[in-house]
N, C-alpha and C. Protein backbone atom coordinates (compact mmCIF):
# COMPACT_ATOMS: atom_id res chain seq x y z
N UNK A 1 56.25 -7.37 -5.37
CA UNK A 1 55.26 -8.34 -4.87
C UNK A 1 53.81 -7.90 -5.31
N UNK A 2 53.35 -7.01 -4.70
CA UNK A 2 52.35 -6.36 -3.98
C UNK A 2 51.78 -5.59 -5.74
N UNK A 3 53.47 -5.57 -6.51
CA UNK A 3 52.51 -5.22 -7.81
C UNK A 3 52.39 -6.22 -8.95
N UNK A 4 52.59 -7.81 -8.90
CA UNK A 4 52.31 -8.51 -9.32
C UNK A 4 50.93 -8.96 -9.34
N UNK A 5 50.66 -9.01 -7.88
CA UNK A 5 49.16 -9.15 -7.65
C UNK A 5 47.83 -8.10 -8.22
N UNK A 6 48.58 -6.75 -7.70
CA UNK A 6 47.19 -5.81 -8.26
C UNK A 6 47.13 -5.61 -9.90
N UNK A 7 48.61 -5.60 -10.84
CA UNK A 7 48.38 -6.07 -11.83
C UNK A 7 47.73 -7.11 -12.76
N UNK A 8 47.88 -8.41 -11.86
CA UNK A 8 46.86 -9.74 -12.63
C UNK A 8 45.62 -9.24 -12.58
N UNK A 9 45.26 -8.19 -11.84
CA UNK A 9 43.42 -8.09 -11.43
C UNK A 9 43.22 -6.98 -11.65
N UNK A 10 42.67 -7.18 -12.91
CA UNK A 10 41.76 -6.06 -14.00
C UNK A 10 40.37 -5.56 -13.10
N UNK A 11 40.16 -4.32 -13.03
CA UNK A 11 38.77 -3.95 -12.50
C UNK A 11 39.27 -3.60 -10.93
N UNK A 12 38.29 -3.02 -10.05
CA UNK A 12 38.00 -2.56 -8.62
C UNK A 12 38.83 -2.94 -8.34
N UNK A 13 39.31 -1.88 -7.19
CA UNK A 13 40.55 -2.64 -6.12
C UNK A 13 39.17 -3.14 -4.93
N UNK A 14 39.74 -3.82 -4.11
CA UNK A 14 39.00 -4.88 -3.00
C UNK A 14 38.82 -3.68 -2.12
N UNK A 15 37.57 -3.75 -1.51
CA UNK A 15 37.13 -2.77 -0.43
C UNK A 15 37.25 -3.62 1.04
N UNK A 16 37.31 -2.47 1.98
CA UNK A 16 37.49 -2.82 3.60
C UNK A 16 36.30 -3.48 3.93
N UNK A 17 36.27 -4.00 4.91
CA UNK A 17 34.54 -5.03 5.70
C UNK A 17 33.88 -3.39 5.56
N UNK A 18 34.44 -2.21 6.06
CA UNK A 18 33.65 -1.13 6.80
C UNK A 18 33.12 -0.64 4.91
N UNK A 19 33.91 -0.66 4.39
CA UNK A 19 33.36 0.30 2.98
C UNK A 19 32.11 -0.74 2.38
N UNK A 20 32.13 -1.87 2.43
CA UNK A 20 30.86 -3.12 1.97
C UNK A 20 29.67 -3.01 2.60
N UNK A 21 30.11 -2.76 4.25
CA UNK A 21 29.02 -2.78 5.13
C UNK A 21 28.64 -1.73 4.55
N UNK A 22 28.98 -0.09 5.32
CA UNK A 22 28.59 0.92 4.28
C UNK A 22 27.55 0.94 2.78
N UNK A 23 28.07 0.01 1.89
CA UNK A 23 27.78 -0.43 0.58
C UNK A 23 25.96 -1.06 0.89
N UNK A 24 26.55 -2.06 1.82
CA UNK A 24 24.79 -3.01 2.19
C UNK A 24 24.44 -1.98 2.61
N UNK A 25 24.73 -1.34 3.55
CA UNK A 25 23.67 -0.10 4.38
C UNK A 25 23.05 0.70 3.36
N UNK A 26 24.10 1.58 2.37
CA UNK A 26 23.00 2.27 1.09
C UNK A 26 22.63 1.53 0.29
N UNK A 27 22.48 0.28 0.27
CA UNK A 27 21.50 -0.34 -0.50
C UNK A 27 20.27 -0.55 0.08
N UNK A 28 20.72 -1.19 1.94
CA UNK A 28 19.45 -1.26 2.17
C UNK A 28 18.67 -0.12 2.23
N UNK A 29 18.99 1.25 2.85
CA UNK A 29 18.07 2.49 2.41
C UNK A 29 17.39 2.61 1.42
N UNK A 30 18.03 2.04 0.09
CA UNK A 30 17.76 2.63 -1.30
C UNK A 30 16.15 1.75 -1.50
N UNK A 31 16.06 0.52 -0.56
CA UNK A 31 15.35 -0.44 -1.18
C UNK A 31 14.36 -0.34 0.07
N UNK A 32 14.73 0.25 0.86
CA UNK A 32 13.54 0.82 2.00
C UNK A 32 12.67 1.81 1.45
N UNK A 33 13.53 2.75 1.29
CA UNK A 33 12.91 4.22 -0.05
C UNK A 33 11.98 3.42 -1.24
N UNK A 34 12.25 2.69 -2.01
CA UNK A 34 11.67 1.81 -2.88
C UNK A 34 10.71 1.29 -2.41
N UNK A 35 10.57 0.82 -1.17
CA UNK A 35 9.30 -0.27 -0.64
C UNK A 35 8.15 0.62 -0.65
N UNK A 36 9.09 2.38 0.16
CA UNK A 36 7.55 2.95 1.10
C UNK A 36 7.65 3.68 -0.73
N UNK A 37 7.41 4.01 -1.24
CA UNK A 37 7.34 4.66 -2.76
C UNK A 37 6.47 4.05 -3.29
N UNK A 38 6.34 3.01 -3.10
CA UNK A 38 5.70 1.50 -3.89
C UNK A 38 4.06 1.70 -2.92
N UNK A 39 4.47 1.45 -1.59
CA UNK A 39 3.53 1.15 -0.93
C UNK A 39 2.99 2.92 -1.07
N UNK A 40 3.06 3.91 -0.94
CA UNK A 40 2.25 5.32 -1.07
C UNK A 40 1.50 5.34 -2.30
N UNK A 41 1.92 4.49 -3.84
CA UNK A 41 1.76 4.77 -5.28
C UNK A 41 0.30 4.22 -5.01
N UNK A 42 0.53 2.95 -4.51
CA UNK A 42 -0.54 1.76 -4.11
C UNK A 42 -1.40 2.42 -3.38
N UNK A 43 -1.32 3.01 -2.38
CA UNK A 43 -2.29 3.10 -1.49
C UNK A 43 -2.95 4.47 -2.21
N UNK A 44 -2.46 5.25 -3.25
CA UNK A 44 -2.80 6.05 -3.70
C UNK A 44 -4.32 5.82 -4.84
N UNK A 45 -3.34 4.73 -5.50
CA UNK A 45 -4.34 3.68 -6.36
C UNK A 45 -5.78 3.34 -5.89
N UNK A 46 -5.35 2.68 -4.36
CA UNK A 46 -6.42 2.44 -4.16
C UNK A 46 -7.40 3.53 -3.38
N UNK A 47 -6.87 4.66 -3.10
CA UNK A 47 -7.75 5.94 -2.44
C UNK A 47 -8.29 6.07 -3.86
N UNK A 48 -8.04 5.72 -4.82
CA UNK A 48 -8.49 6.86 -6.38
C UNK A 48 -9.91 5.79 -6.87
N UNK A 49 -9.02 3.95 -6.68
CA UNK A 49 -9.80 3.44 -6.85
C UNK A 49 -11.92 3.11 -5.86
N UNK A 50 -11.42 3.52 -4.93
CA UNK A 50 -12.52 3.80 -3.78
C UNK A 50 -13.23 5.02 -3.93
N UNK A 51 -12.62 6.06 -4.37
CA UNK A 51 -13.16 7.09 -4.74
C UNK A 51 -14.36 6.76 -5.85
N UNK A 52 -13.96 6.40 -6.96
CA UNK A 52 -14.84 5.88 -8.02
C UNK A 52 -15.50 4.86 -7.96
N UNK A 53 -15.54 4.01 -6.96
CA UNK A 53 -16.68 3.12 -6.27
C UNK A 53 -17.85 3.96 -5.50
N UNK A 54 -17.50 4.50 -4.51
CA UNK A 54 -18.42 5.37 -3.89
C UNK A 54 -18.87 6.19 -4.91
N UNK A 55 -18.69 6.86 -6.22
CA UNK A 55 -18.94 8.31 -6.87
C UNK A 55 -19.81 6.82 -8.17
N UNK A 56 -19.43 6.25 -8.46
CA UNK A 56 -20.30 4.86 -9.66
C UNK A 56 -21.31 4.36 -8.70
N UNK A 57 -21.63 4.22 -7.23
CA UNK A 57 -22.76 3.41 -6.71
C UNK A 57 -23.50 5.00 -5.82
N UNK A 58 -23.73 5.88 -5.93
CA UNK A 58 -24.26 7.41 -6.15
C UNK A 58 -23.80 7.39 -4.36
N UNK A 59 -23.33 6.82 -3.98
CA UNK A 59 -22.89 6.92 -2.13
C UNK A 59 -22.51 8.39 -1.84
N UNK A 60 -21.53 9.16 -2.78
CA UNK A 60 -21.29 10.62 -2.88
C UNK A 60 -22.25 11.47 -2.49
N UNK A 61 -23.65 10.80 -2.59
CA UNK A 61 -24.62 11.80 -2.41
C UNK A 61 -25.20 11.90 -0.86
N UNK A 62 -24.35 11.06 -0.41
CA UNK A 62 -24.89 11.00 1.21
C UNK A 62 -23.93 11.49 2.50
N UNK A 63 -24.40 12.20 3.15
CA UNK A 63 -24.42 13.45 3.95
C UNK A 63 -23.04 12.69 4.23
N UNK A 64 -22.43 13.67 4.89
CA UNK A 64 -21.05 13.63 5.74
C UNK A 64 -21.18 12.68 7.19
N UNK A 65 -22.70 13.00 7.98
CA UNK A 65 -22.89 13.04 9.39
C UNK A 65 -23.29 11.25 8.97
N UNK A 66 -23.73 10.95 7.76
CA UNK A 66 -24.27 9.69 7.81
C UNK A 66 -22.98 8.55 7.94
N UNK A 67 -22.31 9.22 6.88
CA UNK A 67 -20.70 8.54 6.34
C UNK A 67 -20.41 8.32 7.93
N UNK A 68 -19.98 9.70 8.60
CA UNK A 68 -19.43 9.85 9.77
C UNK A 68 -19.64 8.32 10.91
N UNK A 69 -21.07 8.72 11.14
CA UNK A 69 -21.84 7.38 12.00
C UNK A 69 -21.89 5.85 11.34
N UNK A 70 -21.62 5.75 10.16
CA UNK A 70 -21.28 4.82 9.79
C UNK A 70 -19.80 3.93 9.61
N UNK A 71 -19.04 4.52 9.64
CA UNK A 71 -17.70 4.44 9.72
C UNK A 71 -17.44 3.21 10.57
N UNK A 72 -17.53 3.17 12.01
CA UNK A 72 -17.35 2.19 12.57
C UNK A 72 -18.35 1.21 12.65
N UNK A 73 -19.56 0.85 11.81
CA UNK A 73 -20.18 -0.85 11.51
C UNK A 73 -19.69 -1.01 10.04
N UNK A 74 -18.68 -0.24 9.34
CA UNK A 74 -18.35 -0.63 8.19
C UNK A 74 -16.79 -0.63 8.29
N UNK A 75 -15.96 -0.07 8.73
CA UNK A 75 -14.58 -1.08 9.31
C UNK A 75 -14.73 -1.72 10.19
N UNK A 76 -15.70 -2.37 10.59
CA UNK A 76 -15.79 -3.68 11.21
C UNK A 76 -15.97 -4.93 10.34
N UNK A 77 -17.22 -4.04 8.78
CA UNK A 77 -17.29 -5.59 8.60
C UNK A 77 -16.13 -5.16 7.18
N UNK A 78 -15.92 -4.60 6.75
CA UNK A 78 -14.23 -4.86 5.76
C UNK A 78 -13.48 -5.46 6.73
N UNK A 79 -12.80 -5.45 7.47
CA UNK A 79 -11.64 -5.60 8.46
C UNK A 79 -11.76 -7.03 8.82
N UNK A 80 -13.39 -7.68 9.45
CA UNK A 80 -13.51 -8.67 9.06
C UNK A 80 -13.77 -9.93 7.52
N UNK A 81 -14.10 -9.10 6.73
CA UNK A 81 -14.00 -9.59 4.93
C UNK A 81 -12.28 -9.80 4.53
N UNK A 82 -11.67 -8.78 5.58
CA UNK A 82 -9.85 -8.77 4.95
C UNK A 82 -9.44 -10.44 5.65
N UNK A 83 -9.95 -10.71 6.87
CA UNK A 83 -9.30 -11.67 7.48
C UNK A 83 -9.71 -13.09 6.84
N UNK A 84 -10.61 -12.57 6.15
CA UNK A 84 -11.53 -14.43 5.35
C UNK A 84 -10.70 -14.17 4.01
N UNK A 85 -11.12 -15.35 3.22
CA UNK A 85 -10.88 -14.95 2.17
C UNK A 85 -11.06 -13.72 1.41
N UNK A 86 -9.63 -13.27 0.26
CA UNK A 86 -10.09 -11.94 -0.25
C UNK A 86 -11.16 -12.36 -1.44
N UNK A 87 -12.21 -11.23 -1.67
CA UNK A 87 -13.11 -11.42 -2.68
C UNK A 87 -13.21 -10.23 -3.37
N UNK A 88 -13.88 -10.38 -4.50
CA UNK A 88 -13.32 -9.13 -5.60
C UNK A 88 -14.33 -8.16 -4.89
N UNK A 89 -14.49 -7.35 -5.31
CA UNK A 89 -15.59 -6.10 -4.65
C UNK A 89 -17.30 -6.23 -5.15
N UNK A 90 -17.22 -6.56 -6.66
CA UNK A 90 -18.35 -7.50 -6.80
C UNK A 90 -19.13 -8.26 -6.25
N UNK A 91 -18.89 -8.82 -5.69
CA UNK A 91 -18.66 -10.40 -4.44
C UNK A 91 -18.61 -10.01 -3.25
N UNK A 92 -18.30 -8.85 -2.88
CA UNK A 92 -18.05 -8.85 -1.32
C UNK A 92 -19.72 -8.39 -0.84
N UNK A 93 -20.72 -8.31 -1.93
CA UNK A 93 -22.25 -8.39 -1.06
C UNK A 93 -22.42 -6.78 -0.81
N UNK A 94 -22.09 -5.62 -1.51
CA UNK A 94 -22.49 -4.68 -1.15
C UNK A 94 -23.44 -4.49 -1.93
N UNK A 95 -24.53 -3.36 -1.43
CA UNK A 95 -25.79 -3.27 -2.71
C UNK A 95 -25.71 -1.92 -3.45
N UNK A 96 -26.08 -1.68 -4.75
CA UNK A 96 -25.71 -1.16 -5.50
C UNK A 96 -25.73 0.65 -5.51
N UNK A 97 -26.54 0.84 -4.57
CA UNK A 97 -26.97 2.16 -3.72
C UNK A 97 -27.49 2.09 -2.51
N UNK A 98 -27.19 3.33 -1.90
CA UNK A 98 -27.68 3.12 -0.51
C UNK A 98 -28.34 4.74 0.16
N UNK A 99 -28.87 5.00 1.35
CA UNK A 99 -29.71 6.36 0.90
C UNK A 99 -29.05 6.65 2.52
N UNK A 100 -28.86 7.63 3.39
CA UNK A 100 -28.64 8.13 3.99
C UNK A 100 -29.26 7.06 4.98
N UNK A 101 -30.73 6.80 5.30
CA UNK A 101 -30.85 5.95 6.04
C UNK A 101 -30.74 4.58 5.83
N UNK A 102 -29.69 4.28 5.28
CA UNK A 102 -29.68 2.66 4.93
C UNK A 102 -28.39 2.61 5.83
N UNK A 103 -27.61 3.66 5.86
CA UNK A 103 -26.16 3.75 5.70
C UNK A 103 -26.80 3.64 7.84
N UNK A 104 -27.27 4.79 8.51
CA UNK A 104 -27.24 5.15 9.59
C UNK A 104 -28.09 3.49 10.57
N UNK A 105 -29.10 3.12 9.86
CA UNK A 105 -29.84 1.69 10.18
C UNK A 105 -28.88 0.69 10.26
N UNK A 106 -28.13 0.37 9.51
CA UNK A 106 -26.86 -0.56 9.34
C UNK A 106 -26.02 -1.09 10.05
């Protein structure tokens, strides 16, 4: 009787619950890995875009000390904007170029 049951079905044999759980866990891990890789690539694209923007605006000439002192203010400004409606970088209100003194006094 079991021969008739198994010969009537062409394809893979049925899996136990443990095997299905293991397969689902493996698929979940693969999806997590894929998501992590996509997030890493997006972060790299964002970093390149930010560096290009800084260079295009001439802000790469600003001293590291000026950047270090301005970062808390920039962080506060950027995080406050993120909580509001997302805006395109051109509409975000950034000045075309800033000097060391402008960043320190901001």
